[in-house]
Amino acid sequence: QVQLVESGGGLVQPGGSLRLSCVASGIIFSFYDMGWYRQAPGKQREAVAGITTGSNTNYADTVKGRFTISLDNTKNTVYLQMNSLKPEDTADYYCNLWGPGPRFQWGQGTQVTVSS
């Protein structure tokens, strides 16, 4: 069974940065298109950024130019570097398969709070 574990969230001031990490048991990330998603309180989960097996990246318009997704094959870890954070980036962040279709079981996510 695939288990996804996200980490790296926290409280940061507007304009600050965080780097989120996602590790997994049971899969090798480089074989899959992987992505980051977020869910703010009272809102639906939304796609944030994705990286394909060919290393192509995709970003939601709301984070383009501020967030960067990457994959470290040696560590089997997917990262999300988040810069110039805004209060509206506050959410729980999750990693999972990218694109349409089924997902692995969602992990617990990591909480990001952007506030002064």
N, C-alpha and C. Protein backbone atom coordinates (compact mmCIF):
# COMPACT_ATOMS: atom_id res chain seq x y z
N GLN A 1 0.84 -1.19 0.00
CA GLN A 1 0.00 0.00 0.00
C GLN A 1 0.88 1.24 0.00
N VAL A 2 0.52 2.20 -0.84
CA VAL A 2 1.29 3.43 -0.93
C VAL A 2 0.94 4.34 0.23
N GLN A 3 1.96 4.88 0.85
CA GLN A 3 1.76 5.83 1.93
C GLN A 3 2.54 7.10 1.61
N LEU A 4 1.83 8.21 1.55
CA LEU A 4 2.42 9.52 1.27
C LEU A 4 2.54 10.30 2.56
N VAL A 5 3.70 10.93 2.77
CA VAL A 5 3.93 11.70 3.98
C VAL A 5 4.48 13.07 3.60
N GLU A 6 3.71 14.10 3.93
CA GLU A 6 4.10 15.47 3.65
C GLU A 6 4.66 16.12 4.92
N SER A 7 5.60 17.05 4.72
CA SER A 7 6.17 17.78 5.85
C SER A 7 6.70 19.12 5.37
N GLY A 8 7.07 19.95 6.32
CA GLY A 8 7.69 21.22 6.00
C GLY A 8 6.82 22.44 6.17
N GLY A 9 5.56 22.22 6.52
CA GLY A 9 4.68 23.36 6.71
C GLY A 9 4.98 24.11 7.99
N GLY A 10 4.27 25.20 8.18
CA GLY A 10 4.47 25.99 9.38
C GLY A 10 3.83 27.35 9.25
N LEU A 11 4.16 28.20 10.20
CA LEU A 11 3.66 29.57 10.22
C LEU A 11 4.74 30.48 9.64
N VAL A 12 4.37 31.29 8.68
CA VAL A 12 5.32 32.18 8.04
C VAL A 12 4.64 33.52 7.77
N GLN A 13 5.42 34.57 7.80
CA GLN A 13 4.87 35.90 7.52
C GLN A 13 4.69 36.09 6.02
N PRO A 14 3.78 36.96 5.63
CA PRO A 14 3.64 37.26 4.21
C PRO A 14 4.97 37.69 3.62
N GLY A 15 5.24 37.17 2.41
CA GLY A 15 6.51 37.42 1.76
C GLY A 15 7.58 36.39 2.08
N GLY A 16 7.31 35.54 3.04
CA GLY A 16 8.27 34.52 3.44
C GLY A 16 8.28 33.31 2.53
N SER A 17 9.10 32.33 2.92
CA SER A 17 9.27 31.13 2.11
C SER A 17 9.18 29.88 2.97
N LEU A 18 8.76 28.80 2.34
CA LEU A 18 8.77 27.48 2.94
C LEU A 18 9.09 26.47 1.86
N ARG A 19 9.66 25.35 2.27
CA ARG A 19 9.85 24.23 1.35
C ARG A 19 9.16 23.00 1.91
N LEU A 20 8.22 22.50 1.16
CA LEU A 20 7.50 21.30 1.54
C LEU A 20 8.16 20.08 0.92
N SER A 21 8.06 18.97 1.64
CA SER A 21 8.62 17.71 1.16
C SER A 21 7.55 16.63 1.18
N CYS A 22 7.66 15.72 0.26
CA CYS A 22 6.75 14.57 0.20
C CYS A 22 7.58 13.32 -0.04
N VAL A 23 7.46 12.38 0.87
CA VAL A 23 8.13 11.09 0.71
C VAL A 23 7.06 10.01 0.66
N ALA A 24 7.45 8.86 0.14
CA ALA A 24 6.46 7.80 -0.01
C ALA A 24 7.08 6.44 0.23
N SER A 25 6.28 5.55 0.71
CA SER A 25 6.64 4.15 0.76
C SER A 25 5.81 3.42 -0.29
N GLY A 26 6.43 2.51 -0.99
CA GLY A 26 5.68 1.68 -1.92
C GLY A 26 5.72 2.11 -3.37
N ILE A 27 6.26 3.28 -3.65
CA ILE A 27 6.36 3.70 -5.04
C ILE A 27 7.66 4.44 -5.26
N ILE A 28 8.05 4.52 -6.52
CA ILE A 28 9.17 5.34 -6.93
C ILE A 28 8.60 6.50 -7.71
N PHE A 29 8.77 7.70 -7.19
CA PHE A 29 8.12 8.88 -7.75
C PHE A 29 8.44 9.09 -9.22
N SER A 30 9.65 8.77 -9.63
CA SER A 30 10.05 9.07 -11.00
C SER A 30 9.24 8.29 -12.03
N PHE A 31 8.50 7.29 -11.60
CA PHE A 31 7.66 6.52 -12.50
C PHE A 31 6.28 7.15 -12.70
N TYR A 32 5.99 8.21 -11.96
CA TYR A 32 4.66 8.80 -11.97
C TYR A 32 4.72 10.32 -12.17
N ASP A 33 3.63 10.86 -12.72
CA ASP A 33 3.43 12.31 -12.69
C ASP A 33 2.92 12.64 -11.30
N MET A 34 3.64 13.51 -10.60
CA MET A 34 3.30 13.82 -9.22
C MET A 34 2.97 15.30 -9.07
N GLY A 35 2.16 15.59 -8.07
CA GLY A 35 1.77 16.98 -7.88
C GLY A 35 1.50 17.34 -6.44
N TRP A 36 1.36 18.61 -6.23
CA TRP A 36 0.96 19.17 -4.95
C TRP A 36 -0.43 19.77 -5.07
N TYR A 37 -1.21 19.57 -4.02
CA TYR A 37 -2.56 20.08 -3.94
C TYR A 37 -2.70 20.80 -2.61
N ARG A 38 -3.72 21.63 -2.51
CA ARG A 38 -3.96 22.29 -1.23
C ARG A 38 -5.45 22.43 -1.00
N GLN A 39 -5.78 22.50 0.27
CA GLN A 39 -7.17 22.69 0.66
C GLN A 39 -7.22 23.71 1.78
N ALA A 40 -7.85 24.83 1.48
CA ALA A 40 -8.02 25.87 2.48
C ALA A 40 -9.30 25.59 3.27
N PRO A 41 -9.39 26.13 4.49
CA PRO A 41 -10.59 25.89 5.30
C PRO A 41 -11.86 26.30 4.56
N GLY A 42 -12.81 25.38 4.51
CA GLY A 42 -14.08 25.67 3.88
C GLY A 42 -14.07 25.65 2.37
N LYS A 43 -12.95 25.24 1.78
CA LYS A 43 -12.86 25.22 0.31
C LYS A 43 -12.51 23.82 -0.18
N GLN A 44 -12.71 23.62 -1.47
CA GLN A 44 -12.37 22.33 -2.06
C GLN A 44 -10.86 22.24 -2.30
N ARG A 45 -10.38 21.02 -2.36
CA ARG A 45 -8.98 20.80 -2.66
C ARG A 45 -8.70 21.26 -4.10
N GLU A 46 -7.56 21.92 -4.29
CA GLU A 46 -7.21 22.41 -5.62
C GLU A 46 -5.79 22.00 -5.97
N ALA A 47 -5.56 21.85 -7.27
CA ALA A 47 -4.23 21.52 -7.75
C ALA A 47 -3.35 22.75 -7.72
N VAL A 48 -2.13 22.57 -7.31
CA VAL A 48 -1.19 23.68 -7.17
C VAL A 48 -0.06 23.58 -8.20
N ALA A 49 0.61 22.42 -8.22
CA ALA A 49 1.76 22.26 -9.11
C ALA A 49 1.97 20.79 -9.40
N GLY A 50 2.45 20.50 -10.60
CA GLY A 50 2.70 19.12 -10.98
C GLY A 50 4.00 18.99 -11.75
N ILE A 51 4.57 17.78 -11.68
CA ILE A 51 5.78 17.49 -12.42
C ILE A 51 5.60 16.12 -13.07
N THR A 52 5.88 16.07 -14.36
CA THR A 52 5.68 14.83 -15.09
C THR A 52 6.93 13.96 -15.07
N THR A 53 6.79 12.74 -15.56
CA THR A 53 7.94 11.84 -15.63
C THR A 53 9.01 12.40 -16.58
N GLY A 54 8.59 13.28 -17.46
CA GLY A 54 9.54 13.93 -18.36
C GLY A 54 10.07 15.24 -17.83
N SER A 55 9.79 15.49 -16.55
CA SER A 55 10.25 16.70 -15.85
C SER A 55 9.59 17.98 -16.32
N ASN A 56 8.47 17.86 -17.02
CA ASN A 56 7.69 19.06 -17.34
C ASN A 56 6.90 19.48 -16.11
N THR A 57 6.80 20.77 -15.90
CA THR A 57 6.11 21.27 -14.73
C THR A 57 4.89 22.09 -15.12
N ASN A 58 3.91 22.09 -14.26
CA ASN A 58 2.68 22.85 -14.46
C ASN A 58 2.32 23.53 -13.14
N TYR A 59 1.79 24.74 -13.25
CA TYR A 59 1.45 25.48 -12.04
C TYR A 59 0.08 26.13 -12.20
N ALA A 60 -0.62 26.19 -11.08
CA ALA A 60 -1.84 26.99 -11.05
C ALA A 60 -1.46 28.45 -11.26
N ASP A 61 -2.34 29.19 -11.89
CA ASP A 61 -2.05 30.60 -12.16
C ASP A 61 -1.78 31.38 -10.88
N THR A 62 -2.41 30.96 -9.80
CA THR A 62 -2.29 31.69 -8.53
C THR A 62 -0.90 31.55 -7.90
N VAL A 63 -0.13 30.55 -8.33
CA VAL A 63 1.18 30.34 -7.72
C VAL A 63 2.32 30.46 -8.72
N LYS A 64 1.98 30.64 -9.98
CA LYS A 64 3.00 30.69 -11.03
C LYS A 64 3.98 31.82 -10.74
N GLY A 65 5.26 31.50 -10.84
CA GLY A 65 6.30 32.49 -10.57
C GLY A 65 6.72 32.57 -9.13
N ARG A 66 5.96 31.93 -8.24
CA ARG A 66 6.28 31.97 -6.81
C ARG A 66 6.63 30.58 -6.27
N PHE A 67 6.01 29.56 -6.81
CA PHE A 67 6.22 28.19 -6.35
C PHE A 67 7.02 27.42 -7.39
N THR A 68 7.82 26.48 -6.90
CA THR A 68 8.59 25.60 -7.79
C THR A 68 8.49 24.16 -7.29
N ILE A 69 8.07 23.28 -8.17
CA ILE A 69 8.02 21.85 -7.82
C ILE A 69 9.25 21.17 -8.39
N SER A 70 9.78 20.22 -7.63
CA SER A 70 10.96 19.48 -8.09
C SER A 70 10.94 18.08 -7.52
N LEU A 71 11.74 17.23 -8.12
CA LEU A 71 11.83 15.83 -7.70
C LEU A 71 13.30 15.47 -7.53
N ASP A 72 13.64 14.94 -6.38
CA ASP A 72 14.99 14.43 -6.14
C ASP A 72 14.90 12.91 -6.23
N ASN A 73 15.38 12.37 -7.34
CA ASN A 73 15.28 10.92 -7.53
C ASN A 73 16.13 10.15 -6.52
N THR A 74 17.24 10.73 -6.11
CA THR A 74 18.13 10.01 -5.19
C THR A 74 17.48 9.85 -3.81
N LYS A 75 16.60 10.79 -3.48
CA LYS A 75 15.92 10.73 -2.19
C LYS A 75 14.47 10.30 -2.33
N ASN A 76 14.03 10.10 -3.57
CA ASN A 76 12.62 9.77 -3.82
C ASN A 76 11.71 10.72 -3.07
N THR A 77 11.97 12.00 -3.28
CA THR A 77 11.24 13.06 -2.57
C THR A 77 10.79 14.12 -3.57
N VAL A 78 9.56 14.52 -3.43
CA VAL A 78 9.01 15.64 -4.21
C VAL A 78 8.98 16.87 -3.31
N TYR A 79 9.46 17.97 -3.83
CA TYR A 79 9.51 19.22 -3.08
C TYR A 79 8.57 20.26 -3.69
N LEU A 80 8.15 21.18 -2.86
CA LEU A 80 7.47 22.38 -3.32
C LEU A 80 8.10 23.57 -2.62
N GLN A 81 8.88 24.31 -3.37
CA GLN A 81 9.48 25.54 -2.85
C GLN A 81 8.48 26.66 -3.02
N MET A 82 8.13 27.29 -1.93
CA MET A 82 7.12 28.34 -1.96
C MET A 82 7.76 29.65 -1.51
N ASN A 83 7.79 30.61 -2.40
CA ASN A 83 8.35 31.93 -2.12
C ASN A 83 7.26 32.98 -2.21
N SER A 84 7.56 34.14 -1.67
CA SER A 84 6.62 35.27 -1.72
C SER A 84 5.22 34.84 -1.27
N LEU A 85 5.17 34.16 -0.17
CA LEU A 85 3.91 33.61 0.30
C LEU A 85 2.92 34.72 0.66
N LYS A 86 1.65 34.43 0.40
CA LYS A 86 0.55 35.36 0.65
C LYS A 86 -0.43 34.72 1.63
N PRO A 87 -1.20 35.51 2.32
CA PRO A 87 -2.20 34.94 3.23
C PRO A 87 -3.14 33.95 2.53
N GLU A 88 -3.43 34.20 1.28
CA GLU A 88 -4.33 33.29 0.55
C GLU A 88 -3.69 31.95 0.21
N ASP A 89 -2.40 31.80 0.50
CA ASP A 89 -1.75 30.49 0.34
C ASP A 89 -1.98 29.60 1.56
N THR A 90 -2.58 30.15 2.59
CA THR A 90 -2.86 29.36 3.79
C THR A 90 -3.77 28.19 3.47
N ALA A 91 -3.30 26.98 3.80
CA ALA A 91 -4.05 25.76 3.47
C ALA A 91 -3.28 24.56 4.00
N ASP A 92 -3.92 23.42 3.93
CA ASP A 92 -3.23 22.14 4.11
C ASP A 92 -2.75 21.69 2.74
N TYR A 93 -1.50 21.28 2.67
CA TYR A 93 -0.90 20.90 1.41
C TYR A 93 -0.65 19.39 1.37
N TYR A 94 -0.96 18.82 0.21
CA TYR A 94 -0.85 17.38 0.02
C TYR A 94 -0.13 17.08 -1.29
N CYS A 95 0.53 15.94 -1.34
CA CYS A 95 1.07 15.48 -2.62
C CYS A 95 0.29 14.23 -3.05
N ASN A 96 0.25 14.00 -4.34
CA ASN A 96 -0.42 12.84 -4.88
C ASN A 96 -0.14 12.78 -6.38
N LEU A 97 -0.72 11.80 -7.04
CA LEU A 97 -0.59 11.71 -8.49
C LEU A 97 -1.13 12.97 -9.14
N TRP A 98 -0.54 13.33 -10.26
CA TRP A 98 -0.94 14.55 -10.97
C TRP A 98 -1.78 14.18 -12.18
N GLY A 99 -2.80 15.00 -12.45
CA GLY A 99 -3.62 14.78 -13.62
C GLY A 99 -4.90 14.05 -13.30
N PRO A 100 -5.71 13.79 -14.33
CA PRO A 100 -6.99 13.10 -14.10
C PRO A 100 -6.76 11.65 -13.71
N GLY A 101 -7.81 11.06 -13.16
CA GLY A 101 -7.70 9.66 -12.82
C GLY A 101 -7.63 9.42 -11.33
N PRO A 102 -7.43 8.18 -10.96
CA PRO A 102 -7.43 7.84 -9.52
C PRO A 102 -6.22 8.41 -8.81
N ARG A 103 -6.34 8.49 -7.53
CA ARG A 103 -5.27 8.97 -6.67
C ARG A 103 -4.88 7.88 -5.69
N PHE A 104 -3.66 7.99 -5.18
CA PHE A 104 -3.30 7.20 -4.02
C PHE A 104 -4.10 7.71 -2.82
N GLN A 105 -4.11 6.93 -1.79
CA GLN A 105 -4.75 7.40 -0.56
C GLN A 105 -4.05 8.67 -0.10
N TRP A 106 -4.83 9.67 0.23
CA TRP A 106 -4.26 10.95 0.65
C TRP A 106 -3.54 10.81 1.98
N GLY A 107 -2.40 11.50 2.09
CA GLY A 107 -1.70 11.56 3.35
C GLY A 107 -2.36 12.54 4.30
N GLN A 108 -1.69 12.82 5.40
CA GLN A 108 -2.25 13.74 6.38
C GLN A 108 -2.03 15.20 6.00
N GLY A 109 -1.15 15.42 5.06
CA GLY A 109 -0.90 16.78 4.63
C GLY A 109 0.00 17.53 5.60
N THR A 110 0.38 18.73 5.19
CA THR A 110 1.16 19.60 6.05
C THR A 110 0.53 20.99 6.00
N GLN A 111 0.38 21.58 7.16
CA GLN A 111 -0.34 22.84 7.27
C GLN A 111 0.58 24.03 7.03
N VAL A 112 0.13 24.92 6.19
CA VAL A 112 0.85 26.17 5.91
C VAL A 112 -0.05 27.33 6.31
N THR A 113 0.47 28.18 7.16
CA THR A 113 -0.26 29.37 7.60
C THR A 113 0.58 30.59 7.30
N VAL A 114 0.03 31.49 6.52
CA VAL A 114 0.72 32.73 6.17
C VAL A 114 -0.01 33.87 6.86
N SER A 115 0.65 34.45 7.83
CA SER A 115 0.00 35.48 8.63
C SER A 115 1.05 36.33 9.31
N SER A 116 0.71 37.59 9.50
CA SER A 116 1.60 38.48 10.24
C SER A 116 1.21 38.53 11.71
